[in-house]
Amino acid sequence: MAAELVYVGADIGGTKTLLAACTADGQLVRRLSFPTPLELSAGLEQLRTGLAAVAGQAALAAVGISIGGPIDRERGTVSPLHQPQWRGVPLRDLVQEWFGCPCRIEVDTDAAALAEWYIGGVRDSPLVYVTLSTGVGGALLIEGKLYRGTAGVHPELGHQIVPNEFGDPAPVRCTCGAFNCLEALISGRALERRYGCSPAHIPEKDWQLIGQILGHGVRNIATLYAPRRIVLGGGLAIHAAERLLPVLRTLLSDQLQLIPPPTITLSCLGYETPLWGALALALGYGQE
């Protein structure tokens, strides 16, 4: 009898790692999660043991990994901004060496966009996925295919410069080195620094302002790409959806004069869209 095969996805975030195994038809068979270690060697060892554990007794057919950018798709190396010790890590080759199976890696927002299309069934094209979580990012799908920049580079939608409506006397430096990036102003970590608390405890009155800043970025994205739909995902966006979505819809309706305002909705896959994206990668969806 042939050995059972599973496809495994790993979403490596700045604070936690989620893993899941599924069958060839996408049925989940096992899940696992753990805090993402700050130290590189501990993180890699925990990933290796976690992938083996979530596979159980089955053989791994393929592994998909979603992780923060930037990544080098040609070399299979990762350098996520929110994990300072992970620089130029040859993650694809390591996983393939550990388990002897194909490994496909994408920036987490790209993986999440694939999940919306292939697993969530959101088939409006062009489709933009925007995540508001530890960081801010996005991806563009055209008929289910990821848009790539020059040399395959992932477009960094979270690192566009937007008006700082907080009124800070000095520009806010982003982790990328620029000032007043969308991510530098309203990512989860940026809001924690600004308010000195978890975003869950930000005063209700301030969400209008946060929504306006996010709206500047979303309007720019809509103006440049003219998408049919914008999907908003990420833990922070899902937590604050009832506060943010009305602000975004109003701003797009009022300020988009030359293109039709896109439909803007919350991710249909919830908090774990990037994990589903990692499984989509393992299953070969959106393969070029």
Protein backbone atom coordinates (compact mmCIF):
# COMPACT_ATOMS: atom_id res chain seq x y z
CA MET A 1 0.00 0.00 0.00
CA ALA A 2 1.30 3.46 -0.90
CA ALA A 3 2.27 5.71 2.01
CA GLU A 4 -0.20 8.43 2.95
CA LEU A 5 0.80 11.85 1.61
CA VAL A 6 0.02 15.23 3.16
CA TYR A 7 0.59 18.79 2.06
CA VAL A 8 1.85 21.10 4.81
CA GLY A 9 1.57 24.87 5.12
CA ALA A 10 3.47 27.10 7.54
CA ASP A 11 2.69 30.76 8.22
CA ILE A 12 5.76 32.22 9.94
CA GLY A 13 4.75 35.48 11.57
CA GLY A 14 6.70 37.96 13.63
CA THR A 15 5.11 36.71 16.86
CA LYS A 16 3.61 33.29 16.07
CA THR A 17 3.93 30.41 13.64
CA LEU A 18 0.90 28.44 12.43
CA LEU A 19 1.13 25.07 10.70
CA ALA A 20 -1.44 22.79 9.12
CA ALA A 21 -1.47 19.58 7.10
CA CYS A 22 -4.09 18.68 4.52
CA THR A 23 -4.87 15.99 1.99
CA ALA A 24 -4.63 16.48 -1.77
CA ASP A 25 -8.27 17.62 -1.85
CA GLY A 26 -7.67 20.27 0.83
CA GLN A 27 -9.12 18.48 3.86
CA LEU A 28 -7.35 19.54 7.06
CA VAL A 29 -5.92 16.64 9.07
CA ARG A 30 -3.77 18.32 11.70
CA ARG A 31 -2.84 21.78 13.06
CA LEU A 32 -0.11 23.22 15.28
CA SER A 33 0.98 26.65 16.53
CA PHE A 34 3.78 28.09 18.63
CA PRO A 35 5.39 31.49 19.37
CA THR A 36 8.00 32.43 16.78
CA PRO A 37 11.40 32.46 18.54
CA LEU A 38 13.47 35.62 18.18
CA GLU A 39 16.71 33.64 17.79
CA LEU A 40 17.30 32.23 14.30
CA SER A 41 18.66 28.79 15.19
CA ALA A 42 15.80 28.21 17.66
CA GLY A 43 13.28 29.34 15.06
CA LEU A 44 14.63 26.99 12.41
CA GLU A 45 14.77 24.02 14.77
CA GLN A 46 11.23 24.66 15.99
CA LEU A 47 10.05 24.94 12.39
CA ARG A 48 11.72 21.64 11.46
CA THR A 49 10.22 19.76 14.39
CA GLY A 50 6.85 21.47 13.89
CA LEU A 51 6.64 20.48 10.23
CA ALA A 52 7.46 16.88 11.14
CA ALA A 53 4.91 16.87 13.96
CA VAL A 54 2.07 18.28 11.88
CA ALA A 55 2.76 15.72 9.14
CA GLY A 56 2.47 12.92 11.70
CA GLN A 57 3.14 9.48 10.22
CA ALA A 58 2.43 10.66 6.68
CA ALA A 59 5.03 11.53 4.06
CA LEU A 60 5.25 15.18 3.00
CA ALA A 61 4.23 15.71 -0.62
CA ALA A 62 5.10 19.43 -0.53
CA VAL A 63 5.53 22.34 1.87
CA GLY A 64 4.26 25.87 1.39
CA ILE A 65 5.52 28.76 3.52
CA SER A 66 4.15 32.27 3.93
CA ILE A 67 6.46 34.75 5.64
CA GLY A 68 7.05 38.47 5.87
CA GLY A 69 9.10 40.10 3.13
CA PRO A 70 11.41 40.71 1.55
CA ILE A 71 12.20 37.33 0.04
CA ASP A 72 14.38 36.32 -2.89
CA ARG A 73 12.20 33.92 -4.86
CA GLU A 74 15.00 32.87 -7.22
CA ARG A 75 17.33 31.86 -4.40
CA GLY A 76 14.62 30.82 -1.97
CA THR A 77 16.01 33.05 0.79
CA VAL A 78 13.99 35.06 3.33
CA SER A 79 14.74 38.27 5.25
CA PRO A 80 11.50 39.25 7.06
CA LEU A 81 11.68 42.81 8.39
CA HIS A 82 9.96 41.91 11.67
CA GLN A 83 12.46 39.12 12.50
CA PRO A 84 15.83 40.89 12.71
CA GLN A 85 17.94 37.71 12.92
CA TRP A 86 16.38 36.19 9.79
CA ARG A 87 18.54 37.69 7.05
CA GLY A 88 19.28 35.87 3.82
CA VAL A 89 18.11 32.55 5.31
CA PRO A 90 18.08 29.81 2.60
CA LEU A 91 14.75 28.52 3.87
CA ARG A 92 13.60 26.76 0.70
CA ASP A 93 16.80 24.70 0.46
CA LEU A 94 16.73 23.89 4.17
CA VAL A 95 13.16 22.56 4.05
CA GLN A 96 13.87 20.54 0.91
CA GLU A 97 16.96 19.10 2.57
CA TRP A 98 15.05 18.24 5.76
CA PHE A 99 12.13 16.47 4.09
CA GLY A 100 13.13 15.69 0.50
CA CYS A 101 10.03 17.33 -0.97
CA PRO A 102 9.32 20.55 -2.92
CA CYS A 103 9.02 23.76 -0.92
CA ARG A 104 7.39 26.92 -2.24
CA ILE A 105 7.75 30.25 -0.41
CA GLU A 106 5.88 33.51 -0.91
CA VAL A 107 5.55 36.79 0.98
CA ASP A 108 2.61 36.33 3.36
CA THR A 109 0.37 38.84 1.60
CA ASP A 110 0.93 37.12 -1.76
CA ALA A 111 0.08 33.77 -0.18
CA ALA A 112 -3.03 35.27 1.43
CA ALA A 113 -4.21 36.66 -1.91
CA LEU A 114 -3.87 33.19 -3.47
CA ALA A 115 -5.89 31.76 -0.59
CA GLU A 116 -8.72 34.24 -1.15
CA TRP A 117 -8.91 33.30 -4.83
CA TYR A 118 -8.34 29.54 -4.80
CA ILE A 119 -9.70 28.53 -1.38
CA GLY A 120 -12.08 31.35 -0.49
CA GLY A 121 -13.53 31.48 -4.00
CA VAL A 122 -13.26 35.29 -4.32
CA ARG A 123 -12.89 35.48 -8.10
CA ASP A 124 -13.13 39.22 -8.82
CA SER A 125 -10.24 40.33 -11.03
CA PRO A 126 -8.16 42.39 -10.57
CA LEU A 127 -8.16 41.50 -6.87
CA VAL A 128 -6.09 43.37 -4.28
CA TYR A 129 -5.44 41.90 -0.83
CA VAL A 130 -4.36 44.35 1.89
CA THR A 131 -3.26 43.14 5.31
CA LEU A 132 -3.26 45.22 8.48
CA SER A 133 -1.52 43.25 11.20
CA THR A 134 1.96 43.33 12.77
CA GLY A 135 2.90 45.06 9.52
CA VAL A 136 1.02 46.43 6.52
CA GLY A 137 1.27 44.86 3.07
CA GLY A 138 -0.63 43.86 0.01
CA ALA A 139 -0.76 41.82 -3.17
CA LEU A 140 -2.41 42.02 -6.59
CA LEU A 141 -3.95 39.08 -8.45
CA ILE A 142 -4.96 39.23 -12.10
CA GLU A 143 -7.08 36.22 -13.09
CA GLY A 144 -5.59 34.24 -10.22
CA LYS A 145 -1.97 35.05 -11.06
CA LEU A 146 0.24 37.13 -8.80
CA TYR A 147 1.47 40.40 -10.24
CA ARG A 148 5.27 40.53 -10.03
CA GLY A 149 7.49 43.55 -10.22
CA THR A 150 10.90 43.85 -11.89
CA ALA A 151 12.97 40.68 -11.41
CA GLY A 152 10.01 39.11 -9.64
CA VAL A 153 10.11 41.54 -6.74
CA HIS A 154 7.00 41.69 -4.53
CA PRO A 155 5.37 45.17 -4.64
CA GLU A 156 5.49 46.71 -1.15
CA LEU A 157 2.10 48.39 -0.84
CA GLY A 158 2.63 49.00 2.89
CA HIS A 159 5.68 51.15 2.18
CA GLN A 160 3.99 53.90 0.23
CA ILE A 161 4.22 57.32 1.88
CA VAL A 162 0.90 58.74 3.09
CA PRO A 163 -0.19 61.89 4.95
CA ASN A 164 0.46 61.63 8.69
CA GLU A 165 -2.88 62.72 10.09
CA PHE A 166 -1.68 62.11 13.65
CA GLY A 167 0.01 65.50 13.35
CA ASP A 168 3.44 64.39 14.60
CA PRO A 169 5.96 67.25 14.62
CA ALA A 170 8.58 65.05 12.94
CA PRO A 171 8.29 62.33 10.26
CA VAL A 172 8.05 58.75 11.53
CA ARG A 173 10.88 56.50 10.34
CA CYS A 174 9.83 53.10 9.04
CA THR A 175 11.78 49.85 9.48
CA CYS A 176 12.51 50.03 5.73
CA GLY A 177 14.38 53.34 6.27
CA ALA A 178 11.84 55.69 4.66
CA PHE A 179 9.54 58.10 6.51
CA ASN A 180 5.75 58.08 7.00
CA CYS A 181 5.16 54.77 5.27
CA LEU A 182 1.69 53.36 5.82
CA GLU A 183 3.31 50.61 7.88
CA ALA A 184 5.23 53.09 10.03
CA LEU A 185 2.00 54.85 11.00
CA ILE A 186 -0.75 52.25 11.48
CA SER A 187 0.71 48.75 11.65
CA GLY A 188 0.03 46.85 14.85
CA ARG A 189 3.52 47.56 16.15
CA ALA A 190 3.33 51.22 15.17
CA LEU A 191 0.03 51.65 17.01
CA GLU A 192 1.38 49.88 20.11
CA ARG A 193 4.31 52.30 20.17
CA ARG A 194 2.07 55.30 19.66
CA TYR A 195 -0.61 54.45 22.23
CA GLY A 196 1.47 52.41 24.68
CA CYS A 197 -1.09 49.60 24.66
CA SER A 198 -2.51 46.79 22.58
CA PRO A 199 -4.62 48.00 19.63
CA ALA A 200 -7.56 46.36 21.38
CA HIS A 201 -7.43 49.20 23.94
CA ILE A 202 -7.07 52.14 21.55
CA PRO A 203 -9.75 54.79 22.30
CA GLU A 204 -12.83 54.44 20.12
CA LYS A 205 -12.55 58.02 18.85
CA ASP A 206 -9.11 57.39 17.35
CA TRP A 207 -10.22 54.64 14.96
CA GLN A 208 -11.72 57.24 12.61
CA LEU A 209 -8.27 58.80 12.25
CA ILE A 210 -6.57 55.42 11.79
CA GLY A 211 -9.15 54.56 9.16
CA GLN A 212 -8.47 57.81 7.30
CA ILE A 213 -4.73 57.11 7.19
CA LEU A 214 -5.38 53.57 5.94
CA GLY A 215 -7.86 55.09 3.49
CA HIS A 216 -5.15 57.25 1.90
CA GLY A 217 -3.16 54.12 1.15
CA VAL A 218 -6.16 52.16 -0.09
CA ARG A 219 -7.21 55.05 -2.33
CA ASN A 220 -3.72 55.17 -3.85
CA ILE A 221 -3.85 51.42 -4.49
CA ALA A 222 -7.30 51.71 -6.07
CA THR A 223 -6.21 54.62 -8.25
CA LEU A 224 -3.10 52.84 -9.53
CA TYR A 225 -4.54 49.33 -10.06
CA ALA A 226 -8.28 49.98 -10.62
CA PRO A 227 -9.20 46.66 -8.96
CA ARG A 228 -12.66 45.14 -8.96
CA ARG A 229 -12.34 44.19 -5.29
CA ILE A 230 -10.08 45.03 -2.34
CA VAL A 231 -9.99 42.44 0.44
CA LEU A 232 -8.87 43.58 3.88
CA GLY A 233 -7.24 40.99 6.13
CA GLY A 234 -4.89 40.58 9.07
CA GLY A 235 -5.58 40.36 12.78
CA LEU A 236 -5.80 44.10 13.36
CA ALA A 237 -8.16 44.65 10.43
CA ILE A 238 -10.45 41.84 11.52
CA HIS A 239 -10.50 43.15 15.11
CA ALA A 240 -11.39 46.67 13.95
CA ALA A 241 -13.43 45.84 10.85
CA GLU A 242 -16.65 47.52 12.04
CA ARG A 243 -14.71 50.73 12.68
CA LEU A 244 -12.52 50.70 9.57
CA LEU A 245 -14.69 49.45 6.73
CA PRO A 246 -17.29 52.29 6.84
CA VAL A 247 -14.47 54.88 6.83
CA LEU A 248 -12.75 53.21 3.87
CA ARG A 249 -15.96 52.84 1.86
CA THR A 250 -16.90 56.47 2.40
CA LEU A 251 -13.43 57.73 1.51
CA LEU A 252 -13.26 55.65 -1.67
CA SER A 253 -16.74 56.74 -2.72
CA ASP A 254 -15.94 60.42 -2.12
CA GLN A 255 -12.40 60.59 -3.51
CA LEU A 256 -12.26 58.20 -6.47
CA GLN A 257 -13.38 60.41 -9.32
CA LEU A 258 -11.95 58.73 -12.44
CA ILE A 259 -12.41 55.01 -11.73
CA PRO A 260 -15.29 53.02 -10.24
CA PRO A 261 -14.86 52.51 -6.47
CA PRO A 262 -13.94 48.87 -5.88
CA THR A 263 -15.93 46.61 -3.62
CA ILE A 264 -14.10 46.46 -0.29
CA THR A 265 -14.69 43.50 2.01
CA LEU A 266 -13.14 41.61 4.87
CA SER A 267 -11.21 38.40 4.23
CA CYS A 268 -13.56 35.44 3.98
CA LEU A 269 -10.91 33.22 5.62
CA GLY A 270 -10.52 35.23 8.81
CA TYR A 271 -7.40 35.47 10.92
CA GLU A 272 -5.69 32.54 9.23
CA THR A 273 -5.73 33.66 5.60
CA PRO A 274 -1.90 33.48 5.31
CA LEU A 275 -1.94 29.91 6.69
CA TRP A 276 -4.49 28.92 4.06
CA GLY A 277 -2.22 30.68 1.60
CA ALA A 278 0.68 28.49 2.67
CA LEU A 279 -1.49 25.42 2.07
CA ALA A 280 -2.46 26.82 -1.35
CA LEU A 281 1.26 27.07 -2.13
CA ALA A 282 1.87 23.47 -1.04
CA LEU A 283 -1.04 22.33 -3.20
CA GLY A 284 0.38 24.16 -6.20
CA TYR A 285 -2.39 26.71 -6.68
CA GLY A 286 -1.44 29.74 -8.74
CA GLN A 287 1.65 27.96 -10.02
CA GLU A 288 3.26 29.87 -12.83
